[in-house]
Amino acid sequence: MNEEFDYDLTPSQWEALKALRTPASRLPRMSRYTIDGLIALELAVMIGDAPVITAKGRKVLIRGSSLLLQDLAA
Protein backbone atom coordinates (compact mmCIF):
# COMPACT_ATOMS: atom_id res chain seq x y z
CA MET A 1 0.00 0.00 0.00
CA ASN A 2 1.18 3.52 -0.75
CA GLU A 3 2.55 5.14 2.41
CA GLU A 4 0.54 8.28 1.64
CA PHE A 5 -2.68 6.38 2.28
CA ASP A 6 -1.52 3.89 4.92
CA TYR A 7 -3.38 4.84 8.09
CA ASP A 8 -3.93 2.77 11.20
CA LEU A 9 -7.45 3.95 11.94
CA THR A 10 -9.54 2.64 14.80
CA PRO A 11 -12.76 0.80 13.98
CA SER A 12 -14.76 3.86 15.06
CA GLN A 13 -12.68 6.09 12.76
CA TRP A 14 -13.31 3.73 9.82
CA GLU A 15 -17.04 3.74 10.59
CA ALA A 16 -17.11 7.54 10.86
CA LEU A 17 -15.18 7.90 7.60
CA LYS A 18 -17.64 5.58 5.87
CA ALA A 19 -20.58 7.51 7.34
CA LEU A 20 -19.20 10.82 6.06
CA ARG A 21 -19.93 9.68 2.51
CA THR A 22 -23.63 10.31 3.13
CA PRO A 23 -25.25 13.75 2.91
CA ALA A 24 -24.87 15.86 6.06
CA SER A 25 -28.61 15.74 6.72
CA ARG A 26 -28.42 11.94 7.14
CA LEU A 27 -25.23 11.67 9.20
CA PRO A 28 -25.50 9.49 12.29
CA ARG A 29 -24.33 10.85 15.61
CA MET A 30 -20.56 10.50 15.83
CA SER A 31 -18.06 10.98 18.60
CA ARG A 32 -16.42 14.41 18.52
CA TYR A 33 -13.15 12.72 19.53
CA THR A 34 -13.37 10.45 16.48
CA ILE A 35 -14.13 13.37 14.16
CA ASP A 36 -11.28 15.43 15.64
CA GLY A 37 -8.92 12.53 14.93
CA LEU A 38 -10.02 12.40 11.29
CA ILE A 39 -9.64 16.17 11.01
CA ALA A 40 -6.12 15.98 12.46
CA LEU A 41 -5.24 13.42 9.76
CA GLU A 42 -6.82 15.70 7.11
CA LEU A 43 -9.35 13.01 6.25
CA ALA A 44 -12.28 15.24 7.20
CA VAL A 45 -13.01 18.93 7.65
CA MET A 46 -15.73 20.88 9.40
CA ILE A 47 -17.98 22.92 7.15
CA GLY A 48 -20.31 24.86 9.36
CA ASP A 49 -21.43 22.45 12.06
CA ALA A 50 -21.05 19.30 9.98
CA PRO A 51 -18.00 17.13 9.29
CA VAL A 52 -17.29 16.42 5.62
CA ILE A 53 -14.96 13.83 4.11
CA THR A 54 -12.01 15.26 2.16
CA ALA A 55 -10.59 14.00 -1.12
CA LYS A 56 -7.74 12.49 0.89
CA GLY A 57 -10.30 10.81 3.16
CA ARG A 58 -12.06 9.29 0.15
CA LYS A 59 -8.78 7.88 -1.15
CA VAL A 60 -7.93 6.40 2.25
CA LEU A 61 -11.40 4.87 2.49
CA ILE A 62 -11.17 3.32 -0.98
CA ARG A 63 -7.66 1.99 -0.41
CA GLY A 64 -8.45 0.81 3.10
CA SER A 65 -11.63 -0.99 2.16
CA SER A 66 -9.65 -4.00 0.92
CA LEU A 67 -7.84 -4.15 4.27
CA LEU A 68 -11.17 -4.04 6.08
CA LEU A 69 -12.41 -6.98 4.02
CA GLN A 70 -9.26 -8.96 4.86
CA ASP A 71 -9.86 -8.29 8.56
CA LEU A 72 -13.40 -9.68 8.26
CA ALA A 73 -12.18 -12.84 6.56
CA ALA A 74 -9.60 -13.56 9.25
C-alpha atoms as a PDB file:
ATOM      1  CA  MET A   1       0.000   0.000   0.000  1.00  0.00           C
ATOM      2  CA  ASN A   2       1.185   3.515  -0.750  1.00  0.00           C
ATOM      3  CA  GLU A   3       2.553   5.142   2.411  1.00  0.00           C
ATOM      4  CA  GLU A   4       0.540   8.281   1.641  1.00  0.00           C
ATOM      5  CA  PHE A   5      -2.685   6.377   2.276  1.00  0.00           C
ATOM      6  CA  ASP A   6      -1.518   3.888   4.916  1.00  0.00           C
ATOM      7  CA  TYR A   7      -3.382   4.844   8.086  1.00  0.00           C
ATOM      8  CA  ASP A   8      -3.926   2.767  11.205  1.00  0.00           C
ATOM      9  CA  LEU A   9      -7.448   3.953  11.942  1.00  0.00           C
ATOM     10  CA  THR A  10      -9.535   2.643  14.802  1.00  0.00           C
ATOM     11  CA  PRO A  11     -12.764   0.800  13.977  1.00  0.00           C
ATOM     12  CA  SER A  12     -14.763   3.863  15.058  1.00  0.00           C
ATOM     13  CA  GLN A  13     -12.683   6.091  12.764  1.00  0.00           C
ATOM     14  CA  TRP A  14     -13.313   3.731   9.819  1.00  0.00           C
ATOM     15  CA  GLU A  15     -17.036   3.738  10.585  1.00  0.00           C
ATOM     16  CA  ALA A  16     -17.112   7.537  10.860  1.00  0.00           C
ATOM     17  CA  LEU A  17     -15.175   7.904   7.598  1.00  0.00           C
ATOM     18  CA  LYS A  18     -17.644   5.580   5.865  1.00  0.00           C
ATOM     19  CA  ALA A  19     -20.577   7.513   7.338  1.00  0.00           C
ATOM     20  CA  LEU A  20     -19.199  10.820   6.064  1.00  0.00           C
ATOM     21  CA  ARG A  21     -19.930   9.680   2.513  1.00  0.00           C
ATOM     22  CA  THR A  22     -23.628  10.313   3.133  1.00  0.00           C
ATOM     23  CA  PRO A  23     -25.255  13.751   2.911  1.00  0.00           C
ATOM     24  CA  ALA A  24     -24.872  15.861   6.057  1.00  0.00           C
ATOM     25  CA  SER A  25     -28.611  15.736   6.717  1.00  0.00           C
ATOM     26  CA  ARG A  26     -28.422  11.938   7.140  1.00  0.00           C
ATOM     27  CA  LEU A  27     -25.233  11.672   9.198  1.00  0.00           C
ATOM     28  CA  PRO A  28     -25.497   9.490  12.288  1.00  0.00           C
ATOM     29  CA  ARG A  29     -24.334  10.850  15.608  1.00  0.00           C
ATOM     30  CA  MET A  30     -20.561  10.502  15.829  1.00  0.00           C
ATOM     31  CA  SER A  31     -18.056  10.983  18.602  1.00  0.00           C
ATOM     32  CA  ARG A  32     -16.419  14.410  18.523  1.00  0.00           C
ATOM     33  CA  TYR A  33     -13.145  12.722  19.535  1.00  0.00           C
ATOM     34  CA  THR A  34     -13.367  10.455  16.479  1.00  0.00           C
ATOM     35  CA  ILE A  35     -14.134  13.373  14.159  1.00  0.00           C
ATOM     36  CA  ASP A  36     -11.284  15.425  15.643  1.00  0.00           C
ATOM     37  CA  GLY A  37      -8.918  12.531  14.926  1.00  0.00           C
ATOM     38  CA  LEU A  38     -10.025  12.398  11.293  1.00  0.00           C
ATOM     39  CA  ILE A  39      -9.639  16.174  11.009  1.00  0.00           C
ATOM     40  CA  ALA A  40      -6.117  15.977  12.458  1.00  0.00           C
ATOM     41  CA  LEU A  41      -5.237  13.417   9.765  1.00  0.00           C
ATOM     42  CA  GLU A  42      -6.818  15.697   7.114  1.00  0.00           C
ATOM     43  CA  LEU A  43      -9.347  13.008   6.247  1.00  0.00           C
ATOM     44  CA  ALA A  44     -12.275  15.236   7.201  1.00  0.00           C
ATOM     45  CA  VAL A  45     -13.008  18.930   7.652  1.00  0.00           C
ATOM     46  CA  MET A  46     -15.725  20.881   9.398  1.00  0.00           C
ATOM     47  CA  ILE A  47     -17.982  22.925   7.148  1.00  0.00           C
ATOM     48  CA  GLY A  48     -20.313  24.856   9.360  1.00  0.00           C
ATOM     49  CA  ASP A  49     -21.430  22.446  12.056  1.00  0.00           C
ATOM     50  CA  ALA A  50     -21.047  19.300   9.979  1.00  0.00           C
ATOM     51  CA  PRO A  51     -17.996  17.127   9.285  1.00  0.00           C
ATOM     52  CA  VAL A  52     -17.287  16.421   5.620  1.00  0.00           C
ATOM     53  CA  ILE A  53     -14.961  13.832   4.111  1.00  0.00           C
ATOM     54  CA  THR A  54     -12.015  15.263   2.159  1.00  0.00           C
ATOM     55  CA  ALA A  55     -10.593  13.999  -1.121  1.00  0.00           C
ATOM     56  CA  LYS A  56      -7.745  12.488   0.887  1.00  0.00           C
ATOM     57  CA  GLY A  57     -10.299  10.809   3.164  1.00  0.00           C
ATOM     58  CA  ARG A  58     -12.065   9.286   0.151  1.00  0.00           C
ATOM     59  CA  LYS A  59      -8.779   7.883  -1.153  1.00  0.00           C
ATOM     60  CA  VAL A  60      -7.933   6.397   2.247  1.00  0.00           C
ATOM     61  CA  LEU A  61     -11.401   4.871   2.489  1.00  0.00           C
ATOM     62  CA  ILE A  62     -11.168   3.318  -0.980  1.00  0.00           C
ATOM     63  CA  ARG A  63      -7.656   1.991  -0.407  1.00  0.00           C
ATOM     64  CA  GLY A  64      -8.446   0.810   3.098  1.00  0.00           C
ATOM     65  CA  SER A  65     -11.632  -0.988   2.156  1.00  0.00           C
ATOM     66  CA  SER A  66      -9.655  -4.003   0.924  1.00  0.00           C
ATOM     67  CA  LEU A  67      -7.837  -4.153   4.266  1.00  0.00           C
ATOM     68  CA  LEU A  68     -11.165  -4.036   6.084  1.00  0.00           C
ATOM     69  CA  LEU A  69     -12.406  -6.981   4.023  1.00  0.00           C
ATOM     70  CA  GLN A  70      -9.258  -8.958   4.861  1.00  0.00           C
ATOM     71  CA  ASP A  71      -9.862  -8.293   8.561  1.00  0.00           C
ATOM     72  CA  LEU A  72     -13.399  -9.676   8.255  1.00  0.00           C
ATOM     73  CA  ALA A  73     -12.178 -12.843   6.556  1.00  0.00           C
ATOM     74  CA  ALA A  74      -9.597 -13.560   9.255  1.00  0.00           C
END
